[in-house]
Amino acid sequence: MNQTQIPRIRTAGEADLDDLAAMLTGLTDFSLYMRFQTAVGRPPRDSLVLRLLRPAGCAWVATRDDAVVGHAMWAWAANDTEPTAELAVVISEPEQNRGLGLRMLTIAAGHAFDTGATRFLFVVSAANDRVARMIRRRWPAAAVERDGALLNFVVPAVAQFPPARASQMDQASPRSRAAVSAGKPFTGASIPTGSSASKEIRKTQAAR
């Protein structure tokens, strides 16, 4: 792969099933568990990959040289009294710690915000100390609830988020681009592999 080029981010679809499955197959056990909090087969079951590509929200893939190297999504959180979007991202090992996760979450969160989300939900493994500390440090007032081995962090969608360069916002919403131009970005969190898509995804894997 040409590491000098910035990965392209685009809306995901069913045509990405095989390529996304290949990326997930190549992840380490640690990255898979931090993302899904459950065992994921190699290759993953088609029903799992389709849930990632067709969430109750929207999904994106990042590609480099036609290979999928990242996936981000948001989905409406169930049983919430306020419109809450659950955000999740997973990045291939060679692309981690390069800012791609933040870039993808910025786009996903901007889309969810424009669609009507007033809160963002991050579901993090309680064993993922690095991500939990990052969330607590950046949003000390964020509400957190323990759910077994998971921590559910809820952040207001109007909260201040880490800056994103205007060049990273090519495929974000007009509202999120305007926020960057005004110096008031509101979306994005650097969680390379630490969120859960939804309990439905874990149920899919448990049914294997």
C-alpha atoms as a PDB file:
ATOM      1  CA  MET A   1       0.000   0.000   0.000  1.00  0.00           C
ATOM      2  CA  ASN A   2       1.068   3.564  -0.677  1.00  0.00           C
ATOM      3  CA  GLN A   3       1.355   5.027   2.829  1.00  0.00           C
ATOM      4  CA  THR A   4       2.041   8.534   1.491  1.00  0.00           C
ATOM      5  CA  GLN A   5      -1.545   9.028   0.329  1.00  0.00           C
ATOM      6  CA  ILE A   6      -4.365   9.947   2.689  1.00  0.00           C
ATOM      7  CA  PRO A   7      -7.034   7.212   2.783  1.00  0.00           C
ATOM      8  CA  ARG A   8     -10.250   8.102   0.992  1.00  0.00           C
ATOM      9  CA  ILE A   9     -13.454   8.013   3.032  1.00  0.00           C
ATOM     10  CA  ARG A  10     -16.793   7.273   1.386  1.00  0.00           C
ATOM     11  CA  THR A  11     -20.233   6.026   2.310  1.00  0.00           C
ATOM     12  CA  ALA A  12     -20.307   2.254   2.787  1.00  0.00           C
ATOM     13  CA  GLY A  13     -22.636  -0.188   1.065  1.00  0.00           C
ATOM     14  CA  GLU A  14     -23.286  -3.888   0.625  1.00  0.00           C
ATOM     15  CA  ALA A  15     -20.721  -3.990  -2.188  1.00  0.00           C
ATOM     16  CA  ASP A  16     -18.063  -3.525   0.509  1.00  0.00           C
ATOM     17  CA  LEU A  17     -18.937  -6.782   2.266  1.00  0.00           C
ATOM     18  CA  ASP A  18     -15.965  -8.831   1.051  1.00  0.00           C
ATOM     19  CA  ASP A  19     -13.419  -6.037   1.470  1.00  0.00           C
ATOM     20  CA  LEU A  20     -14.581  -5.141   4.983  1.00  0.00           C
ATOM     21  CA  ALA A  21     -14.587  -8.818   5.931  1.00  0.00           C
ATOM     22  CA  ALA A  22     -11.001  -9.063   4.691  1.00  0.00           C
ATOM     23  CA  MET A  23      -9.968  -6.092   6.837  1.00  0.00           C
ATOM     24  CA  LEU A  24     -11.620  -7.540   9.943  1.00  0.00           C
ATOM     25  CA  THR A  25     -10.009 -10.911   9.286  1.00  0.00           C
ATOM     26  CA  GLY A  26      -6.591  -9.260   9.311  1.00  0.00           C
ATOM     27  CA  LEU A  27      -7.064  -7.547  12.687  1.00  0.00           C
ATOM     28  CA  THR A  28      -5.412  -8.852  15.839  1.00  0.00           C
ATOM     29  CA  ASP A  29      -7.552 -10.562  18.464  1.00  0.00           C
ATOM     30  CA  PHE A  30      -7.020  -7.539  20.721  1.00  0.00           C
ATOM     31  CA  SER A  31      -8.311  -5.038  18.155  1.00  0.00           C
ATOM     32  CA  LEU A  32     -11.314  -7.216  17.380  1.00  0.00           C
ATOM     33  CA  TYR A  33     -12.229  -7.626  21.033  1.00  0.00           C
ATOM     34  CA  MET A  34     -11.789  -3.939  21.843  1.00  0.00           C
ATOM     35  CA  ARG A  35     -14.143  -3.122  18.957  1.00  0.00           C
ATOM     36  CA  PHE A  36     -16.818  -5.790  19.395  1.00  0.00           C
ATOM     37  CA  GLN A  37     -16.364  -7.057  22.982  1.00  0.00           C
ATOM     38  CA  THR A  38     -16.984 -10.562  21.723  1.00  0.00           C
ATOM     39  CA  ALA A  39     -15.227 -13.190  19.653  1.00  0.00           C
ATOM     40  CA  VAL A  40     -15.367 -12.509  15.919  1.00  0.00           C
ATOM     41  CA  GLY A  41     -14.719 -15.320  13.472  1.00  0.00           C
ATOM     42  CA  ARG A  42     -12.173 -15.299  10.685  1.00  0.00           C
ATOM     43  CA  PRO A  43     -13.677 -14.554   8.290  1.00  0.00           C
ATOM     44  CA  PRO A  44     -16.530 -12.858  10.172  1.00  0.00           C
ATOM     45  CA  ARG A  45     -20.051 -13.991   9.507  1.00  0.00           C
ATOM     46  CA  ASP A  46     -21.778 -12.161   6.627  1.00  0.00           C
ATOM     47  CA  SER A  47     -24.667 -11.161   8.897  1.00  0.00           C
ATOM     48  CA  LEU A  48     -22.235  -9.307  11.185  1.00  0.00           C
ATOM     49  CA  VAL A  49     -20.575  -7.463   8.308  1.00  0.00           C
ATOM     50  CA  LEU A  50     -23.948  -6.501   6.837  1.00  0.00           C
ATOM     51  CA  ARG A  51     -24.986  -4.996  10.177  1.00  0.00           C
ATOM     52  CA  LEU A  52     -21.865  -2.856  10.025  1.00  0.00           C
ATOM     53  CA  LEU A  53     -22.640  -1.760   6.471  1.00  0.00           C
ATOM     54  CA  ARG A  54     -26.380  -1.188   7.008  1.00  0.00           C
ATOM     55  CA  PRO A  55     -26.814   0.251  10.507  1.00  0.00           C
ATOM     56  CA  ALA A  56     -29.851   2.206  11.673  1.00  0.00           C
ATOM     57  CA  GLY A  57     -27.938   5.361  10.840  1.00  0.00           C
ATOM     58  CA  CYS A  58     -25.068   5.462   8.362  1.00  0.00           C
ATOM     59  CA  ALA A  59     -21.680   3.842   7.744  1.00  0.00           C
ATOM     60  CA  TRP A  60     -18.430   4.755   6.007  1.00  0.00           C
ATOM     61  CA  VAL A  61     -15.318   2.934   4.875  1.00  0.00           C
ATOM     62  CA  ALA A  62     -11.820   4.287   4.376  1.00  0.00           C
ATOM     63  CA  THR A  63      -9.839   2.877   1.465  1.00  0.00           C
ATOM     64  CA  ARG A  64      -6.226   2.926   0.401  1.00  0.00           C
ATOM     65  CA  ASP A  65      -5.293   1.458  -2.982  1.00  0.00           C
ATOM     66  CA  ASP A  66      -8.836   0.001  -3.198  1.00  0.00           C
ATOM     67  CA  ALA A  67      -8.402  -1.933   0.078  1.00  0.00           C
ATOM     68  CA  VAL A  68     -10.661  -1.140   3.038  1.00  0.00           C
ATOM     69  CA  VAL A  69      -8.534   0.097   5.953  1.00  0.00           C
ATOM     70  CA  GLY A  70     -11.197   1.575   8.236  1.00  0.00           C
ATOM     71  CA  HIS A  71     -14.889   1.495   9.087  1.00  0.00           C
ATOM     72  CA  ALA A  72     -17.011   3.955  11.047  1.00  0.00           C
ATOM     73  CA  MET A  73     -20.703   4.082  11.737  1.00  0.00           C
ATOM     74  CA  TRP A  74     -23.409   5.555  13.864  1.00  0.00           C
ATOM     75  CA  ALA A  75     -26.703   3.975  14.846  1.00  0.00           C
ATOM     76  CA  TRP A  76     -29.621   5.150  16.933  1.00  0.00           C
ATOM     77  CA  ALA A  77     -29.274   3.887  20.488  1.00  0.00           C
ATOM     78  CA  ALA A  78     -32.300   1.882  21.580  1.00  0.00           C
ATOM     79  CA  ASN A  79     -34.505   2.773  24.544  1.00  0.00           C
ATOM     80  CA  ASP A  80     -33.185   6.320  24.920  1.00  0.00           C
ATOM     81  CA  THR A  81     -35.504   9.194  25.788  1.00  0.00           C
ATOM     82  CA  GLU A  82     -33.320  11.619  23.786  1.00  0.00           C
ATOM     83  CA  PRO A  83     -32.072  11.154  20.205  1.00  0.00           C
ATOM     84  CA  THR A  84     -28.770   9.410  20.919  1.00  0.00           C
ATOM     85  CA  ALA A  85     -26.310   8.241  18.267  1.00  0.00           C
ATOM     86  CA  GLU A  86     -23.913   5.439  19.144  1.00  0.00           C
ATOM     87  CA  LEU A  87     -20.581   6.013  17.387  1.00  0.00           C
ATOM     88  CA  ALA A  88     -18.088   3.285  16.572  1.00  0.00           C
ATOM     89  CA  VAL A  89     -14.932   2.924  14.507  1.00  0.00           C
ATOM     90  CA  VAL A  90     -12.376   0.244  13.741  1.00  0.00           C
ATOM     91  CA  ILE A  91      -9.091   0.831  11.935  1.00  0.00           C
ATOM     92  CA  SER A  92      -6.637  -1.670  10.445  1.00  0.00           C
ATOM     93  CA  GLU A  93      -3.423  -2.058  12.430  1.00  0.00           C
ATOM     94  CA  PRO A  94      -1.099  -0.345   9.899  1.00  0.00           C
ATOM     95  CA  GLU A  95      -3.393   2.713   9.851  1.00  0.00           C
ATOM     96  CA  GLN A  96      -3.859   3.083  13.604  1.00  0.00           C
ATOM     97  CA  ASN A  97      -2.422   6.109  15.432  1.00  0.00           C
ATOM     98  CA  ARG A  98      -2.393   8.142  12.199  1.00  0.00           C
ATOM     99  CA  GLY A  99      -5.536  10.193  12.814  1.00  0.00           C
ATOM    100  CA  LEU A 100      -7.816   8.147  10.570  1.00  0.00           C
ATOM    101  CA  GLY A 101     -10.096   7.092  13.424  1.00  0.00           C
ATOM    102  CA  LEU A 102     -10.622  10.717  14.448  1.00  0.00           C
ATOM    103  CA  ARG A 103     -11.231  11.737  10.839  1.00  0.00           C
ATOM    104  CA  MET A 104     -13.862   9.025  10.347  1.00  0.00           C
ATOM    105  CA  LEU A 105     -15.610   9.709  13.643  1.00  0.00           C
ATOM    106  CA  THR A 106     -15.713  13.411  12.799  1.00  0.00           C
ATOM    107  CA  ILE A 107     -17.647  12.607   9.634  1.00  0.00           C
ATOM    108  CA  ALA A 108     -19.939  10.095  11.363  1.00  0.00           C
ATOM    109  CA  ALA A 109     -20.711  12.408  14.279  1.00  0.00           C
ATOM    110  CA  GLY A 110     -21.397  15.349  11.971  1.00  0.00           C
ATOM    111  CA  HIS A 111     -23.856  13.249   9.987  1.00  0.00           C
ATOM    112  CA  ALA A 112     -25.576  12.014  13.155  1.00  0.00           C
ATOM    113  CA  PHE A 113     -25.789  15.574  14.491  1.00  0.00           C
ATOM    114  CA  ASP A 114     -27.358  16.822  11.264  1.00  0.00           C
ATOM    115  CA  THR A 115     -29.817  13.922  11.371  1.00  0.00           C
ATOM    116  CA  GLY A 116     -31.043  15.044  14.778  1.00  0.00           C
ATOM    117  CA  ALA A 117     -28.846  13.416  17.412  1.00  0.00           C
ATOM    118  CA  THR A 118     -28.543  15.467  20.589  1.00  0.00           C
ATOM    119  CA  ARG A 119     -26.213  13.050  22.365  1.00  0.00           C
ATOM    120  CA  PHE A 120     -23.376  10.739  21.378  1.00  0.00           C
ATOM    121  CA  LEU A 121     -22.827   7.347  23.004  1.00  0.00           C
ATOM    122  CA  PHE A 122     -19.459   5.590  23.236  1.00  0.00           C
ATOM    123  CA  VAL A 123     -19.494   1.987  24.453  1.00  0.00           C
ATOM    124  CA  VAL A 124     -16.041   1.062  25.733  1.00  0.00           C
ATOM    125  CA  SER A 125     -14.645  -2.100  27.272  1.00  0.00           C
ATOM    126  CA  ALA A 126     -13.933  -1.547  30.963  1.00  0.00           C
ATOM    127  CA  ALA A 127     -10.539  -3.126  30.263  1.00  0.00           C
ATOM    128  CA  ASN A 128      -9.694  -0.398  27.761  1.00  0.00           C
ATOM    129  CA  ASP A 129      -8.099   1.963  30.287  1.00  0.00           C
ATOM    130  CA  ARG A 130      -6.492   4.169  27.643  1.00  0.00           C
ATOM    131  CA  VAL A 131      -9.756   5.065  25.941  1.00  0.00           C
ATOM    132  CA  ALA A 132     -11.688   5.407  29.208  1.00  0.00           C
ATOM    133  CA  ARG A 133      -9.065   7.821  30.560  1.00  0.00           C
ATOM    134  CA  MET A 134      -9.142   9.821  27.340  1.00  0.00           C
ATOM    135  CA  ILE A 135     -12.921  10.243  27.512  1.00  0.00           C
ATOM    136  CA  ARG A 136     -12.853  11.220  31.192  1.00  0.00           C
ATOM    137  CA  ARG A 137     -10.031  13.690  30.579  1.00  0.00           C
ATOM    138  CA  ARG A 138     -11.703  15.396  27.616  1.00  0.00           C
ATOM    139  CA  TRP A 139     -15.260  15.288  28.969  1.00  0.00           C
ATOM    140  CA  PRO A 140     -15.043  15.189  32.784  1.00  0.00           C
ATOM    141  CA  ALA A 141     -18.785  15.857  33.023  1.00  0.00           C
ATOM    142  CA  ALA A 142     -19.692  12.984  30.670  1.00  0.00           C
ATOM    143  CA  ALA A 143     -22.224  10.611  32.193  1.00  0.00           C
ATOM    144  CA  VAL A 144     -20.924   7.050  32.510  1.00  0.00           C
ATOM    145  CA  GLU A 145     -22.797   3.877  33.360  1.00  0.00           C
ATOM    146  CA  ARG A 146     -21.326   0.435  33.987  1.00  0.00           C
ATOM    147  CA  ASP A 147     -22.980  -2.374  32.026  1.00  0.00           C
ATOM    148  CA  GLY A 148     -21.182  -5.562  32.956  1.00  0.00           C
ATOM    149  CA  ALA A 149     -17.802  -5.473  31.226  1.00  0.00           C
ATOM    150  CA  LEU A 150     -18.716  -2.289  29.350  1.00  0.00           C
ATOM    151  CA  LEU A 151     -18.685   1.416  30.134  1.00  0.00           C
ATOM    152  CA  ASN A 152     -21.321   3.580  28.444  1.00  0.00           C
ATOM    153  CA  PHE A 153     -20.218   7.213  28.079  1.00  0.00           C
ATOM    154  CA  VAL A 154     -22.839   9.755  27.015  1.00  0.00           C
ATOM    155  CA  VAL A 155     -21.628  13.096  25.628  1.00  0.00           C
ATOM    156  CA  PRO A 156     -23.847  16.035  24.584  1.00  0.00           C
ATOM    157  CA  ALA A 157     -23.668  16.500  20.813  1.00  0.00           C
ATOM    158  CA  VAL A 158     -22.993  20.200  21.339  1.00  0.00           C
ATOM    159  CA  ALA A 159     -19.854  19.517  23.400  1.00  0.00           C
ATOM    160  CA  GLN A 160     -16.491  20.758  22.134  1.00  0.00           C
ATOM    161  CA  PHE A 161     -14.495  18.066  20.382  1.00  0.00           C
ATOM    162  CA  PRO A 162     -10.862  17.914  19.224  1.00  0.00           C
ATOM    163  CA  PRO A 163     -10.106  20.108  16.195  1.00  0.00           C
ATOM    164  CA  ALA A 164     -10.213  18.697  12.686  1.00  0.00           C
ATOM    165  CA  ARG A 165      -8.443  20.344   9.776  1.00  0.00           C
ATOM    166  CA  ALA A 166     -10.693  21.664   7.024  1.00  0.00           C
ATOM    167  CA  SER A 167      -9.007  19.241   4.606  1.00  0.00           C
ATOM    168  CA  GLN A 168     -10.298  16.352   6.728  1.00  0.00           C
ATOM    169  CA  MET A 169     -13.871  17.500   6.319  1.00  0.00           C
ATOM    170  CA  ASP A 170     -14.260  16.986   2.567  1.00  0.00           C
ATOM    171  CA  GLN A 171     -16.976  14.406   3.086  1.00  0.00           C
ATOM    172  CA  ALA A 172     -18.494  15.795   6.260  1.00  0.00           C
ATOM    173  CA  SER A 173     -21.771  17.660   6.461  1.00  0.00           C
ATOM    174  CA  PRO A 174     -22.052  21.400   5.705  1.00  0.00           C
ATOM    175  CA  ARG A 175     -22.749  22.030   9.379  1.00  0.00           C
ATOM    176  CA  SER A 176     -19.605  20.258  10.544  1.00  0.00           C
ATOM    177  CA  ARG A 177     -17.507  22.010   7.886  1.00  0.00           C
ATOM    178  CA  ALA A 178     -18.905  25.333   9.074  1.00  0.00           C
ATOM    179  CA  ALA A 179     -17.985  24.464  12.644  1.00  0.00           C
ATOM    180  CA  VAL A 180     -14.385  23.851  11.624  1.00  0.00           C
ATOM    181  CA  SER A 181     -14.254  27.104   9.676  1.00  0.00           C
ATOM    182  CA  ALA A 182     -15.512  28.933  12.765  1.00  0.00           C
ATOM    183  CA  GLY A 183     -12.900  27.268  14.934  1.00  0.00           C
ATOM    184  CA  LYS A 184     -15.589  25.444  16.914  1.00  0.00           C
ATOM    185  CA  PRO A 185     -15.470  21.783  15.930  1.00  0.00           C
ATOM    186  CA  PHE A 186     -18.024  19.676  17.700  1.00  0.00           C
ATOM    187  CA  THR A 187     -17.397  16.143  16.515  1.00  0.00           C
ATOM    188  CA  GLY A 188     -14.828  13.395  16.709  1.00  0.00           C
ATOM    189  CA  ALA A 189     -13.050  11.361  19.330  1.00  0.00           C
ATOM    190  CA  SER A 190      -9.831   9.433  19.017  1.00  0.00           C
ATOM    191  CA  ILE A 191     -11.059   5.928  19.773  1.00  0.00           C
ATOM    192  CA  PRO A 192      -9.125   3.654  17.398  1.00  0.00           C
ATOM    193  CA  THR A 193     -10.812   0.371  18.258  1.00  0.00           C
ATOM    194  CA  GLY A 194     -12.739   0.947  21.430  1.00  0.00           C
ATOM    195  CA  SER A 195     -16.458   1.211  20.677  1.00  0.00           C
ATOM    196  CA  SER A 196     -19.263  -1.291  20.278  1.00  0.00           C
ATOM    197  CA  ALA A 197     -21.611  -0.990  17.314  1.00  0.00           C
ATOM    198  CA  SER A 198     -24.582  -2.236  19.308  1.00  0.00           C
ATOM    199  CA  LYS A 199     -25.748  -5.115  21.430  1.00  0.00           C
ATOM    200  CA  GLU A 200     -27.391  -6.533  18.300  1.00  0.00           C
ATOM    201  CA  ILE A 201     -23.972  -7.106  16.748  1.00  0.00           C
ATOM    202  CA  ARG A 202     -22.843  -9.024  19.820  1.00  0.00           C
ATOM    203  CA  LYS A 203     -26.052 -11.053  19.699  1.00  0.00           C
ATOM    204  CA  THR A 204     -25.320 -11.916  16.070  1.00  0.00           C
ATOM    205  CA  GLN A 205     -21.929 -13.316  17.035  1.00  0.00           C
ATOM    206  CA  ALA A 206     -23.331 -15.180  20.027  1.00  0.00           C
ATOM    207  CA  ALA A 207     -25.768 -16.942  17.702  1.00  0.00           C
ATOM    208  CA  ARG A 208     -22.990 -18.480  15.612  1.00  0.00           C
END
